Amino acid sequence: MHKALYREYRPMVFDDVIGQDHIIKTLINQINTNNLSHAYLFCGTRGTGKTSTAKILARAVNCTHDGDKPCNVCVQLRRNRNRCCIQQ
């Protein structure tokens, strides 16, 4: 089955996102200081990493392990790995 490139090579952690260093630094600082907002608006042109960054942020917030990198082995993250969004 054919899989689109953006689905095949989507970044899984903040370190993999390229070209959005200022956004990634801000999000990592907010996660580390536990100063998260109730909503985030990602906007920009096509291909800038909005969806990838949002998915990484959602996994990092829902991860049960400490730190700003989602471990991708938590029960919560494994259950929702192939879904397009995380629902609780």
PDB file of N, CA and C in Angstrom:
ATOM      1  N   MET A   1       0.841  -1.181   0.000  1.00  0.00           N
ATOM      2  CA  MET A   1       0.000   0.000   0.000  1.00  0.00           C
ATOM      3  C   MET A   1       0.886   1.243   0.000  1.00  0.00           C
ATOM      4  N   HIS A   2       0.520   2.198  -0.775  1.00  0.00           N
ATOM      5  CA  HIS A   2       1.272   3.445  -0.880  1.00  0.00           C
ATOM      6  C   HIS A   2       1.054   4.296   0.360  1.00  0.00           C
ATOM      7  N   LYS A   3       2.121   4.881   0.853  1.00  0.00           N
ATOM      8  CA  LYS A   3       2.048   5.754   2.021  1.00  0.00           C
ATOM      9  C   LYS A   3       2.695   7.087   1.654  1.00  0.00           C
ATOM     10  N   ALA A   4       2.008   8.179   1.939  1.00  0.00           N
ATOM     11  CA  ALA A   4       2.526   9.507   1.611  1.00  0.00           C
ATOM     12  C   ALA A   4       3.821   9.772   2.367  1.00  0.00           C
ATOM     13  N   LEU A   5       4.714  10.514   1.742  1.00  0.00           N
ATOM     14  CA  LEU A   5       6.020  10.792   2.352  1.00  0.00           C
ATOM     15  C   LEU A   5       5.896  11.492   3.695  1.00  0.00           C
ATOM     16  N   TYR A   6       4.945  12.421   3.812  1.00  0.00           N
ATOM     17  CA  TYR A   6       4.816  13.140   5.078  1.00  0.00           C
ATOM     18  C   TYR A   6       4.338  12.231   6.197  1.00  0.00           C
ATOM     19  N   ARG A   7       3.689  11.141   5.870  1.00  0.00           N
ATOM     20  CA  ARG A   7       3.296  10.169   6.900  1.00  0.00           C
ATOM     21  C   ARG A   7       4.440   9.205   7.205  1.00  0.00           C
ATOM     22  N   GLU A   8       5.202   8.869   6.204  1.00  0.00           N
ATOM     23  CA  GLU A   8       6.309   7.917   6.363  1.00  0.00           C
ATOM     24  C   GLU A   8       7.462   8.516   7.165  1.00  0.00           C
ATOM     25  N   TYR A   9       7.780   9.772   6.906  1.00  0.00           N
ATOM     26  CA  TYR A   9       8.954  10.397   7.503  1.00  0.00           C
ATOM     27  C   TYR A   9       8.597  11.511   8.474  1.00  0.00           C
ATOM     28  N   ARG A  10       7.478  11.402   9.167  1.00  0.00           N
ATOM     29  CA  ARG A  10       7.066  12.419  10.137  1.00  0.00           C
ATOM     30  C   ARG A  10       7.988  12.370  11.352  1.00  0.00           C
ATOM     31  N   PRO A  11       8.472  13.526  11.838  1.00  0.00           N
ATOM     32  CA  PRO A  11       9.322  13.542  13.037  1.00  0.00           C
ATOM     33  C   PRO A  11       8.574  12.970  14.242  1.00  0.00           C
ATOM     34  N   MET A  12       9.294  12.256  15.102  1.00  0.00           N
ATOM     35  CA  MET A  12       8.687  11.637  16.277  1.00  0.00           C
ATOM     36  C   MET A  12       9.035  12.348  17.575  1.00  0.00           C
ATOM     37  N   VAL A  13      10.114  13.153  17.583  1.00  0.00           N
ATOM     38  CA  VAL A  13      10.511  13.921  18.763  1.00  0.00           C
ATOM     39  C   VAL A  13      10.861  15.340  18.312  1.00  0.00           C
ATOM     40  N   PHE A  14      10.920  16.253  19.265  1.00  0.00           N
ATOM     41  CA  PHE A  14      11.204  17.649  18.937  1.00  0.00           C
ATOM     42  C   PHE A  14      12.550  17.822  18.230  1.00  0.00           C
ATOM     43  N   ASP A  15      13.533  16.997  18.568  1.00  0.00           N
ATOM     44  CA  ASP A  15      14.856  17.122  17.956  1.00  0.00           C
ATOM     45  C   ASP A  15      14.842  16.848  16.451  1.00  0.00           C
ATOM     46  N   ASP A  16      13.844  16.121  15.978  1.00  0.00           N
ATOM     47  CA  ASP A  16      13.759  15.785  14.556  1.00  0.00           C
ATOM     48  C   ASP A  16      13.147  16.896  13.713  1.00  0.00           C
ATOM     49  N   VAL A  17      12.484  17.866  14.340  1.00  0.00           N
ATOM     50  CA  VAL A  17      11.845  18.960  13.598  1.00  0.00           C
ATOM     51  C   VAL A  17      12.918  19.937  13.144  1.00  0.00           C
ATOM     52  N   ILE A  18      12.903  20.268  11.870  1.00  0.00           N
ATOM     53  CA  ILE A  18      13.929  21.135  11.287  1.00  0.00           C
ATOM     54  C   ILE A  18      13.314  22.481  10.907  1.00  0.00           C
ATOM     55  N   GLY A  19      14.010  23.551  11.204  1.00  0.00           N
ATOM     56  CA  GLY A  19      13.612  24.880  10.757  1.00  0.00           C
ATOM     57  C   GLY A  19      12.632  25.600  11.670  1.00  0.00           C
ATOM     58  N   GLN A  20      12.274  25.036  12.788  1.00  0.00           N
ATOM     59  CA  GLN A  20      11.341  25.679  13.711  1.00  0.00           C
ATOM     60  C   GLN A  20      11.947  25.744  15.105  1.00  0.00           C
ATOM     61  N   ASP A  21      13.215  26.094  15.170  1.00  0.00           N
ATOM     62  CA  ASP A  21      13.948  26.064  16.434  1.00  0.00           C
ATOM     63  C   ASP A  21      13.327  26.961  17.501  1.00  0.00           C
ATOM     64  N   HIS A  22      12.862  28.147  17.115  1.00  0.00           N
ATOM     65  CA  HIS A  22      12.282  29.073  18.096  1.00  0.00           C
ATOM     66  C   HIS A  22      10.981  28.522  18.676  1.00  0.00           C
ATOM     67  N   ILE A  23      10.183  27.861  17.871  1.00  0.00           N
ATOM     68  CA  ILE A  23       8.928  27.267  18.354  1.00  0.00           C
ATOM     69  C   ILE A  23       9.222  26.075  19.250  1.00  0.00           C
ATOM     70  N   ILE A  24      10.133  25.213  18.815  1.00  0.00           N
ATOM     71  CA  ILE A  24      10.477  24.015  19.578  1.00  0.00           C
ATOM     72  C   ILE A  24      11.063  24.399  20.931  1.00  0.00           C
ATOM     73  N   LYS A  25      11.937  25.407  20.951  1.00  0.00           N
ATOM     74  CA  LYS A  25      12.546  25.857  22.208  1.00  0.00           C
ATOM     75  C   LYS A  25      11.475  26.370  23.172  1.00  0.00           C
ATOM     76  N   THR A  26      10.516  27.123  22.659  1.00  0.00           N
ATOM     77  CA  THR A  26       9.430  27.645  23.490  1.00  0.00           C
ATOM     78  C   THR A  26       8.582  26.519  24.057  1.00  0.00           C
ATOM     79  N   LEU A  27       8.213  25.546  23.222  1.00  0.00           N
ATOM     80  CA  LEU A  27       7.379  24.438  23.685  1.00  0.00           C
ATOM     81  C   LEU A  27       8.112  23.574  24.709  1.00  0.00           C
ATOM     82  N   ILE A  28       9.388  23.315  24.474  1.00  0.00           N
ATOM     83  CA  ILE A  28      10.175  22.514  25.424  1.00  0.00           C
ATOM     84  C   ILE A  28      10.282  23.231  26.769  1.00  0.00           C
ATOM     85  N   ASN A  29      10.505  24.549  26.734  1.00  0.00           N
ATOM     86  CA  ASN A  29      10.573  25.315  27.989  1.00  0.00           C
ATOM     87  C   ASN A  29       9.245  25.273  28.741  1.00  0.00           C
ATOM     88  N   GLN A  30       8.136  25.347  28.021  1.00  0.00           N
ATOM     89  CA  GLN A  30       6.839  25.289  28.677  1.00  0.00           C
ATOM     90  C   GLN A  30       6.566  23.916  29.275  1.00  0.00           C
ATOM     91  N   ILE A  31       6.989  22.866  28.595  1.00  0.00           N
ATOM     92  CA  ILE A  31       6.814  21.514  29.143  1.00  0.00           C
ATOM     93  C   ILE A  31       7.682  21.335  30.383  1.00  0.00           C
ATOM     94  N   ASN A  32       8.930  21.766  30.306  1.00  0.00           N
ATOM     95  CA  ASN A  32       9.855  21.579  31.432  1.00  0.00           C
ATOM     96  C   ASN A  32       9.449  22.376  32.671  1.00  0.00           C
ATOM     97  N   THR A  33       8.855  23.541  32.495  1.00  0.00           N
ATOM     98  CA  THR A  33       8.428  24.359  33.629  1.00  0.00           C
ATOM     99  C   THR A  33       6.973  24.100  34.018  1.00  0.00           C
ATOM    100  N   ASN A  34       6.323  23.166  33.314  1.00  0.00           N
ATOM    101  CA  ASN A  34       4.920  22.826  33.555  1.00  0.00           C
ATOM    102  C   ASN A  34       4.037  24.066  33.452  1.00  0.00           C
ATOM    103  N   ASN A  35       4.289  24.878  32.449  1.00  0.00           N
ATOM    104  CA  ASN A  35       3.564  26.116  32.216  1.00  0.00           C
ATOM    105  C   ASN A  35       2.830  26.029  30.877  1.00  0.00           C
ATOM    106  N   LEU A  36       2.002  24.997  30.728  1.00  0.00           N
ATOM    107  CA  LEU A  36       1.304  24.772  29.469  1.00  0.00           C
ATOM    108  C   LEU A  36       0.024  25.586  29.406  1.00  0.00           C
ATOM    109  N   SER A  37      -0.303  26.026  28.215  1.00  0.00           N
ATOM    110  CA  SER A  37      -1.536  26.758  27.990  1.00  0.00           C
ATOM    111  C   SER A  37      -2.676  25.779  27.722  1.00  0.00           C
ATOM    112  N   HIS A  38      -3.891  26.258  27.734  1.00  0.00           N
ATOM    113  CA  HIS A  38      -5.037  25.383  27.472  1.00  0.00           C
ATOM    114  C   HIS A  38      -5.260  25.159  25.985  1.00  0.00           C
ATOM    115  N   ALA A  39      -4.620  25.975  25.135  1.00  0.00           N
ATOM    116  CA  ALA A  39      -4.776  25.812  23.684  1.00  0.00           C
ATOM    117  C   ALA A  39      -3.560  26.384  22.971  1.00  0.00           C
ATOM    118  N   TYR A  40      -3.252  25.792  21.839  1.00  0.00           N
ATOM    119  CA  TYR A  40      -2.152  26.270  20.986  1.00  0.00           C
ATOM    120  C   TYR A  40      -2.666  26.373  19.562  1.00  0.00           C
ATOM    121  N   LEU A  41      -2.293  27.440  18.877  1.00  0.00           N
ATOM    122  CA  LEU A  41      -2.693  27.644  17.496  1.00  0.00           C
ATOM    123  C   LEU A  41      -1.443  27.564  16.624  1.00  0.00           C
ATOM    124  N   PHE A  42      -1.380  26.558  15.785  1.00  0.00           N
ATOM    125  CA  PHE A  42      -0.261  26.393  14.860  1.00  0.00           C
ATOM    126  C   PHE A  42      -0.726  26.873  13.495  1.00  0.00           C
ATOM    127  N   CYS A  43      -0.070  27.898  12.979  1.00  0.00           N
ATOM    128  CA  CYS A  43      -0.472  28.415  11.673  1.00  0.00           C
ATOM    129  C   CYS A  43       0.772  28.659  10.825  1.00  0.00           C
ATOM    130  N   GLY A  44       0.584  28.643   9.530  1.00  0.00           N
ATOM    131  CA  GLY A  44       1.678  28.853   8.593  1.00  0.00           C
ATOM    132  C   GLY A  44       1.386  28.182   7.266  1.00  0.00           C
ATOM    133  N   THR A  45       2.324  28.288   6.367  1.00  0.00           N
ATOM    134  CA  THR A  45       2.138  27.707   5.041  1.00  0.00           C
ATOM    135  C   THR A  45       2.321  26.198   5.074  1.00  0.00           C
ATOM    136  N   ARG A  46       1.972  25.571   3.979  1.00  0.00           N
ATOM    137  CA  ARG A  46       2.091  24.114   3.876  1.00  0.00           C
ATOM    138  C   ARG A  46       3.535  23.670   4.044  1.00  0.00           C
ATOM    139  N   GLY A  47       3.710  22.565   4.760  1.00  0.00           N
ATOM    140  CA  GLY A  47       5.029  21.963   4.869  1.00  0.00           C
ATOM    141  C   GLY A  47       5.953  22.559   5.904  1.00  0.00           C
ATOM    142  N   THR A  48       5.419  23.342   6.823  1.00  0.00           N
ATOM    143  CA  THR A  48       6.293  23.970   7.821  1.00  0.00           C
ATOM    144  C   THR A  48       6.361  23.203   9.129  1.00  0.00           C
ATOM    145  N   GLY A  49       5.612  22.101   9.255  1.00  0.00           N
ATOM    146  CA  GLY A  49       5.696  21.267  10.438  1.00  0.00           C
ATOM    147  C   GLY A  49       4.636  21.523  11.485  1.00  0.00           C
ATOM    148  N   LYS A  50       3.525  22.118  11.098  1.00  0.00           N
ATOM    149  CA  LYS A  50       2.467  22.423  12.069  1.00  0.00           C
ATOM    150  C   LYS A  50       1.885  21.155  12.676  1.00  0.00           C
ATOM    151  N   THR A  51       1.473  20.227  11.845  1.00  0.00           N
ATOM    152  CA  THR A  51       0.853  18.998  12.333  1.00  0.00           C
ATOM    153  C   THR A  51       1.857  18.143  13.083  1.00  0.00           C
ATOM    154  N   SER A  52       3.058  18.035  12.565  1.00  0.00           N
ATOM    155  CA  SER A  52       4.091  17.235  13.232  1.00  0.00           C
ATOM    156  C   SER A  52       4.396  17.789  14.613  1.00  0.00           C
ATOM    157  N   THR A  53       4.544  19.098  14.723  1.00  0.00           N
ATOM    158  CA  THR A  53       4.833  19.731  16.002  1.00  0.00           C
ATOM    159  C   THR A  53       3.665  19.542  16.970  1.00  0.00           C
ATOM    160  N   ALA A  54       2.452  19.663  16.469  1.00  0.00           N
ATOM    161  CA  ALA A  54       1.277  19.476  17.330  1.00  0.00           C
ATOM    162  C   ALA A  54       1.196  18.041  17.839  1.00  0.00           C
ATOM    163  N   LYS A  55       1.497  17.070  16.986  1.00  0.00           N
ATOM    164  CA  LYS A  55       1.453  15.671  17.409  1.00  0.00           C
ATOM    165  C   LYS A  55       2.542  15.363  18.433  1.00  0.00           C
ATOM    166  N   ILE A  56       3.720  15.915  18.236  1.00  0.00           N
ATOM    167  CA  ILE A  56       4.806  15.703  19.199  1.00  0.00           C
ATOM    168  C   ILE A  56       4.448  16.351  20.532  1.00  0.00           C
ATOM    169  N   LEU A  57       3.884  17.559  20.490  1.00  0.00           N
ATOM    170  CA  LEU A  57       3.464  18.236  21.717  1.00  0.00           C
ATOM    171  C   LEU A  57       2.404  17.414  22.449  1.00  0.00           C
ATOM    172  N   ALA A  58       1.438  16.890  21.734  1.00  0.00           N
ATOM    173  CA  ALA A  58       0.392  16.078  22.365  1.00  0.00           C
ATOM    174  C   ALA A  58       0.984  14.831  23.015  1.00  0.00           C
ATOM    175  N   ARG A  59       1.920  14.176  22.336  1.00  0.00           N
ATOM    176  CA  ARG A  59       2.545  12.991  22.921  1.00  0.00           C
ATOM    177  C   ARG A  59       3.393  13.355  24.134  1.00  0.00           C
ATOM    178  N   ALA A  60       4.108  14.481  24.068  1.00  0.00           N
ATOM    179  CA  ALA A  60       4.956  14.895  25.190  1.00  0.00           C
ATOM    180  C   ALA A  60       4.110  15.239  26.415  1.00  0.00           C
ATOM    181  N   VAL A  61       2.974  15.865  26.206  1.00  0.00           N
ATOM    182  CA  VAL A  61       2.103  16.239  27.321  1.00  0.00           C
ATOM    183  C   VAL A  61       1.449  15.001  27.932  1.00  0.00           C
ATOM    184  N   ASN A  62       1.072  14.033  27.104  1.00  0.00           N
ATOM    185  CA  ASN A  62       0.383  12.833  27.583  1.00  0.00           C
ATOM    186  C   ASN A  62       1.320  11.736  28.045  1.00  0.00           C
ATOM    187  N   CYS A  63       2.616  11.883  27.847  1.00  0.00           N
ATOM    188  CA  CYS A  63       3.586  10.872  28.258  1.00  0.00           C
ATOM    189  C   CYS A  63       3.673  10.838  29.781  1.00  0.00           C
ATOM    190  N   THR A  64       3.712   9.630  30.339  1.00  0.00           N
ATOM    191  CA  THR A  64       3.767   9.505  31.794  1.00  0.00           C
ATOM    192  C   THR A  64       5.185   9.622  32.339  1.00  0.00           C
ATOM    193  N   HIS A  65       6.179   9.593  31.480  1.00  0.00           N
ATOM    194  CA  HIS A  65       7.567   9.740  31.910  1.00  0.00           C
ATOM    195  C   HIS A  65       7.939  11.215  31.968  1.00  0.00           C
ATOM    196  N   ASP A  66       8.888  11.560  32.805  1.00  0.00           N
ATOM    197  CA  ASP A  66       9.316  12.949  32.933  1.00  0.00           C
ATOM    198  C   ASP A  66      10.152  13.360  31.731  1.00  0.00           C
ATOM    199  N   GLY A  67      10.179  14.642  31.463  1.00  0.00           N
ATOM    200  CA  GLY A  67      10.996  15.181  30.387  1.00  0.00           C
ATOM    201  C   GLY A  67      10.156  15.694  29.236  1.00  0.00           C
ATOM    202  N   ASP A  68      10.837  16.348  28.298  1.00  0.00           N
ATOM    203  CA  ASP A  68      10.137  16.952  27.176  1.00  0.00           C
ATOM    204  C   ASP A  68      10.081  16.044  25.952  1.00  0.00           C
ATOM    205  N   LYS A  69      10.710  14.871  26.017  1.00  0.00           N
ATOM    206  CA  LYS A  69      10.689  13.948  24.884  1.00  0.00           C
ATOM    207  C   LYS A  69       9.694  12.827  25.157  1.00  0.00           C
ATOM    208  N   PRO A  70       8.722  12.642  24.258  1.00  0.00           N
ATOM    209  CA  PRO A  70       7.805  11.521  24.456  1.00  0.00           C
ATOM    210  C   PRO A  70       8.542  10.200  24.294  1.00  0.00           C
ATOM    211  N   CYS A  71       8.308   9.272  25.212  1.00  0.00           N
ATOM    212  CA  CYS A  71       9.041   8.002  25.206  1.00  0.00           C
ATOM    213  C   CYS A  71       8.499   7.044  24.158  1.00  0.00           C
ATOM    214  N   ASN A  72       7.254   7.225  23.743  1.00  0.00           N
ATOM    215  CA  ASN A  72       6.590   6.372  22.759  1.00  0.00           C
ATOM    216  C   ASN A  72       6.458   4.930  23.211  1.00  0.00           C
ATOM    217  N   VAL A  73       6.617   4.648  24.508  1.00  0.00           N
ATOM    218  CA  VAL A  73       6.401   3.305  25.029  1.00  0.00           C
ATOM    219  C   VAL A  73       5.355   3.286  26.149  1.00  0.00           C
ATOM    220  N   CYS A  74       4.876   4.439  26.582  1.00  0.00           N
ATOM    221  CA  CYS A  74       3.822   4.490  27.592  1.00  0.00           C
ATOM    222  C   CYS A  74       2.571   3.796  27.059  1.00  0.00           C
ATOM    223  N   VAL A  75       1.766   3.298  27.956  1.00  0.00           N
ATOM    224  CA  VAL A  75       0.520   2.650  27.546  1.00  0.00           C
ATOM    225  C   VAL A  75      -0.354   3.640  26.779  1.00  0.00           C
ATOM    226  N   GLN A  76      -0.441   4.863  27.274  1.00  0.00           N
ATOM    227  CA  GLN A  76      -1.250   5.895  26.621  1.00  0.00           C
ATOM    228  C   GLN A  76      -0.749   6.180  25.207  1.00  0.00           C
ATOM    229  N   LEU A  77       0.552   6.269  25.026  1.00  0.00           N
ATOM    230  CA  LEU A  77       1.102   6.594  23.716  1.00  0.00           C
ATOM    231  C   LEU A  77       1.040   5.408  22.764  1.00  0.00           C
ATOM    232  N   ARG A  78       1.279   4.204  23.264  1.00  0.00           N
ATOM    233  CA  ARG A  78       1.206   3.021  22.391  1.00  0.00           C
ATOM    234  C   ARG A  78      -0.212   2.796  21.893  1.00  0.00           C
ATOM    235  N   ARG A  79      -1.188   3.048  22.742  1.00  0.00           N
ATOM    236  CA  ARG A  79      -2.581   2.839  22.364  1.00  0.00           C
ATOM    237  C   ARG A  79      -3.001   3.790  21.249  1.00  0.00           C
ATOM    238  N   ASN A  80      -2.449   4.998  21.240  1.00  0.00           N
ATOM    239  CA  ASN A  80      -2.859   6.018  20.287  1.00  0.00           C
ATOM    240  C   ASN A  80      -1.825   6.270  19.189  1.00  0.00           C
ATOM    241  N   ARG A  81      -0.863   5.405  19.018  1.00  0.00           N
ATOM    242  CA  ARG A  81       0.232   5.650  18.086  1.00  0.00           C
ATOM    243  C   ARG A  81      -0.249   5.813  16.642  1.00  0.00           C
ATOM    244  N   ASN A  82      -1.202   5.013  16.217  1.00  0.00           N
ATOM    245  CA  ASN A  82      -1.640   5.049  14.818  1.00  0.00           C
ATOM    246  C   ASN A  82      -2.868   5.901  14.582  1.00  0.00           C
ATOM    247  N   ARG A  83      -3.380   6.530  15.606  1.00  0.00           N
ATOM    248  CA  ARG A  83      -4.532   7.410  15.432  1.00  0.00           C
ATOM    249  C   ARG A  83      -4.071   8.788  14.991  1.00  0.00           C
ATOM    250  N   CYS A  84      -4.974   9.530  14.399  1.00  0.00           N
ATOM    251  CA  CYS A  84      -4.607  10.870  13.945  1.00  0.00           C
ATOM    252  C   CYS A  84      -4.643  11.882  15.074  1.00  0.00           C
ATOM    253  N   CYS A  85      -5.303  11.553  16.187  1.00  0.00           N
ATOM    254  CA  CYS A  85      -5.331  12.461  17.322  1.00  0.00           C
ATOM    255  C   CYS A  85      -5.427  11.636  18.600  1.00  0.00           C
ATOM    256  N   ILE A  86      -5.154  12.266  19.715  1.00  0.00           N
ATOM    257  CA  ILE A  86      -5.221  11.594  21.006  1.00  0.00           C
ATOM    258  C   ILE A  86      -6.484  12.034  21.710  1.00  0.00           C
ATOM    259  N   GLN A  87      -7.335  11.084  22.048  1.00  0.00           N
ATOM    260  CA  GLN A  87      -8.587  11.397  22.716  1.00  0.00           C
ATOM    261  C   GLN A  87      -8.596  10.716  24.070  1.00  0.00           C
ATOM    262  N   GLN A  88      -9.119  11.416  25.057  1.00  0.00           N
ATOM    263  CA  GLN A  88      -9.198  10.830  26.404  1.00  0.00           C
ATOM    264  C   GLN A  88     -10.633  10.718  26.829  1.00  0.00           C
TER     265      GLN A  88
END
